Amino acid sequence: MTRVFARPLLIAGLLLGTTGLFATQAAAQDKGGLATYENDRHGFKLSYPTAQFIAFPAATDDGRQLVSKDGKARLLVGTLANFDNKSLGAYRTFLLGASYPGAKIDYAPVRDTWFVLSGTRGDMAFYQRVNFACGGRAINSWMITFPAAEKATYEPIIEQVHRDYRLGAGNCAQRVTAAGKR
């Protein structure tokens, strides 16, 4: 079920190719139960609770995948190139159709350069924040999927991640190629 929600990240090559559950800390310092993942290449950072999530080893410099210690939830964060120059609205429509068909959306604000999709599909819940960066050439995103029955556990985590998420200027001066290299 979690793979269904991660489909847009899989399609975009953002879901990291990991083969085991070898946990590492994500380029982070643990402060008061929070670790900070900072991606200098793409100019974003977020904090996550180390009591709940462990990081998979990074397969690329484009993002990170974390899994809850019980294996039921995922936190995905990363950047992908907007190769086909989708508008914010078109990308939102794509995500709704490709990743969340039939989902009950309960929170979905849209602003000039970002949007959130939050809701449930079957027995899983999701929260995804998407930011367009570099004039729309890059799409930064983070997403949490978790069992809907555990909403009370994950709502404070989502609030923490959302509160600490920072989107910087990134590395906009460099062009992203089709191979994903800079």
C-alpha atoms as a PDB file:
ATOM      1  CA  MET A   1       0.000   0.000   0.000  1.00  0.00           C
ATOM      2  CA  THR A   2       2.827   2.417   0.791  1.00  0.00           C
ATOM      3  CA  ARG A   3       4.250   1.931  -2.700  1.00  0.00           C
ATOM      4  CA  VAL A   4       1.009   3.229  -4.195  1.00  0.00           C
ATOM      5  CA  PHE A   5       1.466   6.513  -2.378  1.00  0.00           C
ATOM      6  CA  ALA A   6       5.130   6.726  -3.332  1.00  0.00           C
ATOM      7  CA  ARG A   7       4.376   6.224  -7.041  1.00  0.00           C
ATOM      8  CA  PRO A   8       5.081   9.834  -8.131  1.00  0.00           C
ATOM      9  CA  LEU A   9       8.418   9.671  -6.423  1.00  0.00           C
ATOM     10  CA  LEU A  10       9.085   6.317  -8.050  1.00  0.00           C
ATOM     11  CA  ILE A  11       8.055   7.672 -11.429  1.00  0.00           C
ATOM     12  CA  ALA A  12      10.328  10.648 -10.979  1.00  0.00           C
ATOM     13  CA  GLY A  13      13.216   8.505  -9.828  1.00  0.00           C
ATOM     14  CA  LEU A  14      13.101   9.975  -6.355  1.00  0.00           C
ATOM     15  CA  LEU A  15      12.302   6.830  -4.409  1.00  0.00           C
ATOM     16  CA  LEU A  16      15.767   5.725  -3.543  1.00  0.00           C
ATOM     17  CA  GLY A  17      17.015   2.313  -4.590  1.00  0.00           C
ATOM     18  CA  THR A  18      17.715   0.657  -1.300  1.00  0.00           C
ATOM     19  CA  THR A  19      18.007  -3.066  -0.881  1.00  0.00           C
ATOM     20  CA  GLY A  20      18.204  -3.508   2.865  1.00  0.00           C
ATOM     21  CA  LEU A  21      17.132  -2.020   6.104  1.00  0.00           C
ATOM     22  CA  PHE A  22      20.576  -0.868   7.160  1.00  0.00           C
ATOM     23  CA  ALA A  23      19.888   2.242   9.192  1.00  0.00           C
ATOM     24  CA  THR A  24      22.089   5.287   9.216  1.00  0.00           C
ATOM     25  CA  GLN A  25      21.596   8.845  10.332  1.00  0.00           C
ATOM     26  CA  ALA A  26      20.925  11.179   7.415  1.00  0.00           C
ATOM     27  CA  ALA A  27      23.726  13.756   7.324  1.00  0.00           C
ATOM     28  CA  ALA A  28      22.361  14.895  10.612  1.00  0.00           C
ATOM     29  CA  GLN A  29      22.974  15.961  14.123  1.00  0.00           C
ATOM     30  CA  ASP A  30      20.652  14.585  16.771  1.00  0.00           C
ATOM     31  CA  LYS A  31      19.414  17.393  19.010  1.00  0.00           C
ATOM     32  CA  GLY A  32      16.734  16.608  21.546  1.00  0.00           C
ATOM     33  CA  GLY A  33      15.435  13.615  19.637  1.00  0.00           C
ATOM     34  CA  LEU A  34      15.426  15.396  16.270  1.00  0.00           C
ATOM     35  CA  ALA A  35      17.873  14.854  13.450  1.00  0.00           C
ATOM     36  CA  THR A  36      18.256  17.379  10.652  1.00  0.00           C
ATOM     37  CA  TYR A  37      18.695  16.254   7.076  1.00  0.00           C
ATOM     38  CA  GLU A  38      20.226  19.068   5.062  1.00  0.00           C
ATOM     39  CA  ASN A  39      20.694  18.794   1.320  1.00  0.00           C
ATOM     40  CA  ASP A  40      23.220  21.410   0.199  1.00  0.00           C
ATOM     41  CA  ARG A  41      22.941  20.331  -3.423  1.00  0.00           C
ATOM     42  CA  HIS A  42      19.285  21.300  -3.653  1.00  0.00           C
ATOM     43  CA  GLY A  43      19.074  23.799  -0.820  1.00  0.00           C
ATOM     44  CA  PHE A  44      16.562  22.313   1.584  1.00  0.00           C
ATOM     45  CA  LYS A  45      16.525  20.852   5.066  1.00  0.00           C
ATOM     46  CA  LEU A  46      14.082  19.266   7.450  1.00  0.00           C
ATOM     47  CA  SER A  47      14.103  17.741  10.893  1.00  0.00           C
ATOM     48  CA  TYR A  48      12.609  14.408  11.852  1.00  0.00           C
ATOM     49  CA  PRO A  49      12.212  12.514  15.136  1.00  0.00           C
ATOM     50  CA  THR A  50      14.896   9.863  15.595  1.00  0.00           C
ATOM     51  CA  ALA A  51      12.652   7.988  18.023  1.00  0.00           C
ATOM     52  CA  GLN A  52      10.271   7.301  15.129  1.00  0.00           C
ATOM     53  CA  PHE A  53      12.342   7.244  11.912  1.00  0.00           C
ATOM     54  CA  ILE A  54      15.637   5.797  10.756  1.00  0.00           C
ATOM     55  CA  ALA A  55      17.289   6.749   7.476  1.00  0.00           C
ATOM     56  CA  PHE A  56      18.169   4.359   4.691  1.00  0.00           C
ATOM     57  CA  PRO A  57      21.622   4.824   3.193  1.00  0.00           C
ATOM     58  CA  ALA A  58      21.463   7.422   0.433  1.00  0.00           C
ATOM     59  CA  ALA A  59      21.506   6.065  -3.097  1.00  0.00           C
ATOM     60  CA  THR A  60      21.742   9.541  -4.660  1.00  0.00           C
ATOM     61  CA  ASP A  61      22.326  13.132  -3.605  1.00  0.00           C
ATOM     62  CA  ASP A  62      18.781  14.035  -4.611  1.00  0.00           C
ATOM     63  CA  GLY A  63      16.946  12.872  -1.519  1.00  0.00           C
ATOM     64  CA  ARG A  64      16.477  10.518   1.345  1.00  0.00           C
ATOM     65  CA  GLN A  65      14.079   7.789   2.428  1.00  0.00           C
ATOM     66  CA  LEU A  66      13.373   7.144   6.085  1.00  0.00           C
ATOM     67  CA  VAL A  67      11.298   4.363   7.558  1.00  0.00           C
ATOM     68  CA  SER A  68       9.536   4.139  10.890  1.00  0.00           C
ATOM     69  CA  LYS A  69      11.077   1.704  13.332  1.00  0.00           C
ATOM     70  CA  ASP A  70       8.016  -0.538  13.039  1.00  0.00           C
ATOM     71  CA  GLY A  71       8.276  -0.429   9.219  1.00  0.00           C
ATOM     72  CA  LYS A  72       4.729   0.875   8.719  1.00  0.00           C
ATOM     73  CA  ALA A  73       5.480   4.493   7.802  1.00  0.00           C
ATOM     74  CA  ARG A  74       7.777   6.244   5.325  1.00  0.00           C
ATOM     75  CA  LEU A  75       9.211   9.746   5.138  1.00  0.00           C
ATOM     76  CA  LEU A  76      10.514  10.631   1.689  1.00  0.00           C
ATOM     77  CA  VAL A  77      12.274  13.884   0.882  1.00  0.00           C
ATOM     78  CA  GLY A  78      14.017  15.014  -2.263  1.00  0.00           C
ATOM     79  CA  THR A  79      14.232  16.995  -5.452  1.00  0.00           C
ATOM     80  CA  LEU A  80      13.500  16.144  -9.039  1.00  0.00           C
ATOM     81  CA  ALA A  81      13.918  18.122 -12.209  1.00  0.00           C
ATOM     82  CA  ASN A  82      10.793  19.484 -13.870  1.00  0.00           C
ATOM     83  CA  PHE A  83      11.899  18.241 -17.300  1.00  0.00           C
ATOM     84  CA  ASP A  84       8.539  18.665 -18.991  1.00  0.00           C
ATOM     85  CA  ASN A  85       7.976  22.136 -17.470  1.00  0.00           C
ATOM     86  CA  LYS A  86       4.739  21.255 -15.724  1.00  0.00           C
ATOM     87  CA  SER A  87       3.018  24.149 -14.013  1.00  0.00           C
ATOM     88  CA  LEU A  88       2.315  23.865 -10.297  1.00  0.00           C
ATOM     89  CA  GLY A  89      -1.349  23.136 -11.066  1.00  0.00           C
ATOM     90  CA  ALA A  90      -0.521  20.533 -13.712  1.00  0.00           C
ATOM     91  CA  TYR A  91       1.894  18.744 -11.367  1.00  0.00           C
ATOM     92  CA  ARG A  92      -0.723  18.769  -8.594  1.00  0.00           C
ATOM     93  CA  THR A  93      -3.268  17.254 -10.998  1.00  0.00           C
ATOM     94  CA  PHE A  94      -0.680  14.638 -12.036  1.00  0.00           C
ATOM     95  CA  LEU A  95      -0.041  13.651  -8.401  1.00  0.00           C
ATOM     96  CA  LEU A  96      -3.738  13.415  -7.627  1.00  0.00           C
ATOM     97  CA  GLY A  97      -4.298  11.092 -10.575  1.00  0.00           C
ATOM     98  CA  ALA A  98      -1.106   9.045 -10.439  1.00  0.00           C
ATOM     99  CA  SER A  99      -0.620   8.650  -6.704  1.00  0.00           C
ATOM    100  CA  TYR A 100      -3.889   9.353  -4.984  1.00  0.00           C
ATOM    101  CA  PRO A 101      -6.749   8.134  -7.227  1.00  0.00           C
ATOM    102  CA  GLY A 102      -9.828   7.562  -5.129  1.00  0.00           C
ATOM    103  CA  ALA A 103      -8.214   9.158  -2.079  1.00  0.00           C
ATOM    104  CA  LYS A 104     -10.225  11.246   0.338  1.00  0.00           C
ATOM    105  CA  ILE A 105      -8.359  14.570   0.382  1.00  0.00           C
ATOM    106  CA  ASP A 106      -8.952  16.436   3.627  1.00  0.00           C
ATOM    107  CA  TYR A 107      -6.360  19.223   3.406  1.00  0.00           C
ATOM    108  CA  ALA A 108      -5.049  20.744   0.177  1.00  0.00           C
ATOM    109  CA  PRO A 109      -3.871  24.371   0.300  1.00  0.00           C
ATOM    110  CA  VAL A 110      -2.316  25.821  -2.867  1.00  0.00           C
ATOM    111  CA  ARG A 111      -0.081  28.885  -2.986  1.00  0.00           C
ATOM    112  CA  ASP A 112       2.012  30.500  -5.732  1.00  0.00           C
ATOM    113  CA  THR A 113       4.991  28.127  -5.433  1.00  0.00           C
ATOM    114  CA  TRP A 114       3.767  25.243  -3.263  1.00  0.00           C
ATOM    115  CA  PHE A 115       0.891  22.972  -2.379  1.00  0.00           C
ATOM    116  CA  VAL A 116      -0.006  20.255   0.112  1.00  0.00           C
ATOM    117  CA  LEU A 117      -2.028  17.099  -0.448  1.00  0.00           C
ATOM    118  CA  SER A 118      -3.203  15.297   2.663  1.00  0.00           C
ATOM    119  CA  GLY A 119      -5.760  12.577   3.114  1.00  0.00           C
ATOM    120  CA  THR A 120      -6.439   8.871   3.215  1.00  0.00           C
ATOM    121  CA  ARG A 121      -6.672   6.065   0.727  1.00  0.00           C
ATOM    122  CA  GLY A 122      -7.814   2.767   2.079  1.00  0.00           C
ATOM    123  CA  ASP A 123      -6.120   2.131   5.409  1.00  0.00           C
ATOM    124  CA  MET A 124      -3.176   4.454   4.684  1.00  0.00           C
ATOM    125  CA  ALA A 125      -2.873   8.193   5.251  1.00  0.00           C
ATOM    126  CA  PHE A 126      -0.508  10.620   3.540  1.00  0.00           C
ATOM    127  CA  TYR A 127       0.754  14.164   3.756  1.00  0.00           C
ATOM    128  CA  GLN A 128       2.796  15.577   0.873  1.00  0.00           C
ATOM    129  CA  ARG A 129       4.300  19.055   0.589  1.00  0.00           C
ATOM    130  CA  VAL A 130       5.528  20.118  -2.860  1.00  0.00           C
ATOM    131  CA  ASN A 131       7.543  23.275  -3.598  1.00  0.00           C
ATOM    132  CA  PHE A 132       8.535  24.566  -7.003  1.00  0.00           C
ATOM    133  CA  ALA A 133      12.058  26.019  -6.842  1.00  0.00           C
ATOM    134  CA  CYS A 134      14.499  27.584  -9.279  1.00  0.00           C
ATOM    135  CA  GLY A 135      11.709  29.269 -11.213  1.00  0.00           C
ATOM    136  CA  GLY A 136       9.849  25.975 -11.543  1.00  0.00           C
ATOM    137  CA  ARG A 137      12.825  24.004 -12.911  1.00  0.00           C
ATOM    138  CA  ALA A 138      13.105  21.934  -9.713  1.00  0.00           C
ATOM    139  CA  ILE A 139      10.415  20.268  -7.629  1.00  0.00           C
ATOM    140  CA  ASN A 140      11.227  19.793  -3.951  1.00  0.00           C
ATOM    141  CA  SER A 141       8.952  17.495  -2.035  1.00  0.00           C
ATOM    142  CA  TRP A 142       8.562  15.669   1.227  1.00  0.00           C
ATOM    143  CA  MET A 143       5.918  13.102   2.036  1.00  0.00           C
ATOM    144  CA  ILE A 144       4.882  10.949   4.959  1.00  0.00           C
ATOM    145  CA  THR A 145       2.741   7.842   4.523  1.00  0.00           C
ATOM    146  CA  PHE A 146       1.449   5.987   7.563  1.00  0.00           C
ATOM    147  CA  PRO A 147      -1.408   3.769   8.759  1.00  0.00           C
ATOM    148  CA  ALA A 148      -4.548   5.906   9.016  1.00  0.00           C
ATOM    149  CA  ALA A 149      -5.339   4.324  12.384  1.00  0.00           C
ATOM    150  CA  GLU A 150      -2.133   5.921  13.738  1.00  0.00           C
ATOM    151  CA  LYS A 151      -3.070   9.493  12.815  1.00  0.00           C
ATOM    152  CA  ALA A 152      -2.737  10.680  16.425  1.00  0.00           C
ATOM    153  CA  THR A 153       0.900   9.488  16.429  1.00  0.00           C
ATOM    154  CA  TYR A 154       1.840  11.026  13.087  1.00  0.00           C
ATOM    155  CA  GLU A 155       0.034  14.402  13.184  1.00  0.00           C
ATOM    156  CA  PRO A 156       2.565  15.906  15.652  1.00  0.00           C
ATOM    157  CA  ILE A 157       5.408  14.487  13.550  1.00  0.00           C
ATOM    158  CA  ILE A 158       3.972  16.080  10.409  1.00  0.00           C
ATOM    159  CA  GLU A 159       3.643  19.389  12.247  1.00  0.00           C
ATOM    160  CA  GLN A 160       7.281  19.146  13.399  1.00  0.00           C
ATOM    161  CA  VAL A 161       8.596  18.330   9.931  1.00  0.00           C
ATOM    162  CA  HIS A 162       6.454  21.069   8.389  1.00  0.00           C
ATOM    163  CA  ARG A 163       7.575  23.635  10.970  1.00  0.00           C
ATOM    164  CA  ASP A 164      11.288  22.863  10.489  1.00  0.00           C
ATOM    165  CA  TYR A 165      11.259  22.411   6.699  1.00  0.00           C
ATOM    166  CA  ARG A 166      13.351  25.086   5.007  1.00  0.00           C
ATOM    167  CA  LEU A 167      13.658  25.634   1.301  1.00  0.00           C
ATOM    168  CA  GLY A 168      16.695  27.685   0.357  1.00  0.00           C
ATOM    169  CA  ALA A 169      17.857  28.996  -2.977  1.00  0.00           C
ATOM    170  CA  GLY A 170      19.310  25.611  -3.844  1.00  0.00           C
ATOM    171  CA  ASN A 171      21.746  25.303  -6.646  1.00  0.00           C
ATOM    172  CA  CYS A 172      19.624  27.065  -9.256  1.00  0.00           C
ATOM    173  CA  ALA A 173      22.555  28.415 -11.243  1.00  0.00           C
ATOM    174  CA  GLN A 174      23.330  24.951 -12.563  1.00  0.00           C
ATOM    175  CA  ARG A 175      21.144  23.262 -15.139  1.00  0.00           C
ATOM    176  CA  VAL A 176      19.697  19.821 -14.457  1.00  0.00           C
ATOM    177  CA  THR A 177      20.304  17.351 -17.284  1.00  0.00           C
ATOM    178  CA  ALA A 178      18.163  14.422 -18.374  1.00  0.00           C
ATOM    179  CA  ALA A 179      20.559  12.093 -16.582  1.00  0.00           C
ATOM    180  CA  GLY A 180      19.945  14.011 -13.373  1.00  0.00           C
ATOM    181  CA  LYS A 181      23.528  15.242 -13.237  1.00  0.00           C
ATOM    182  CA  ARG A 182      24.624  18.779 -12.688  1.00  0.00           C
END
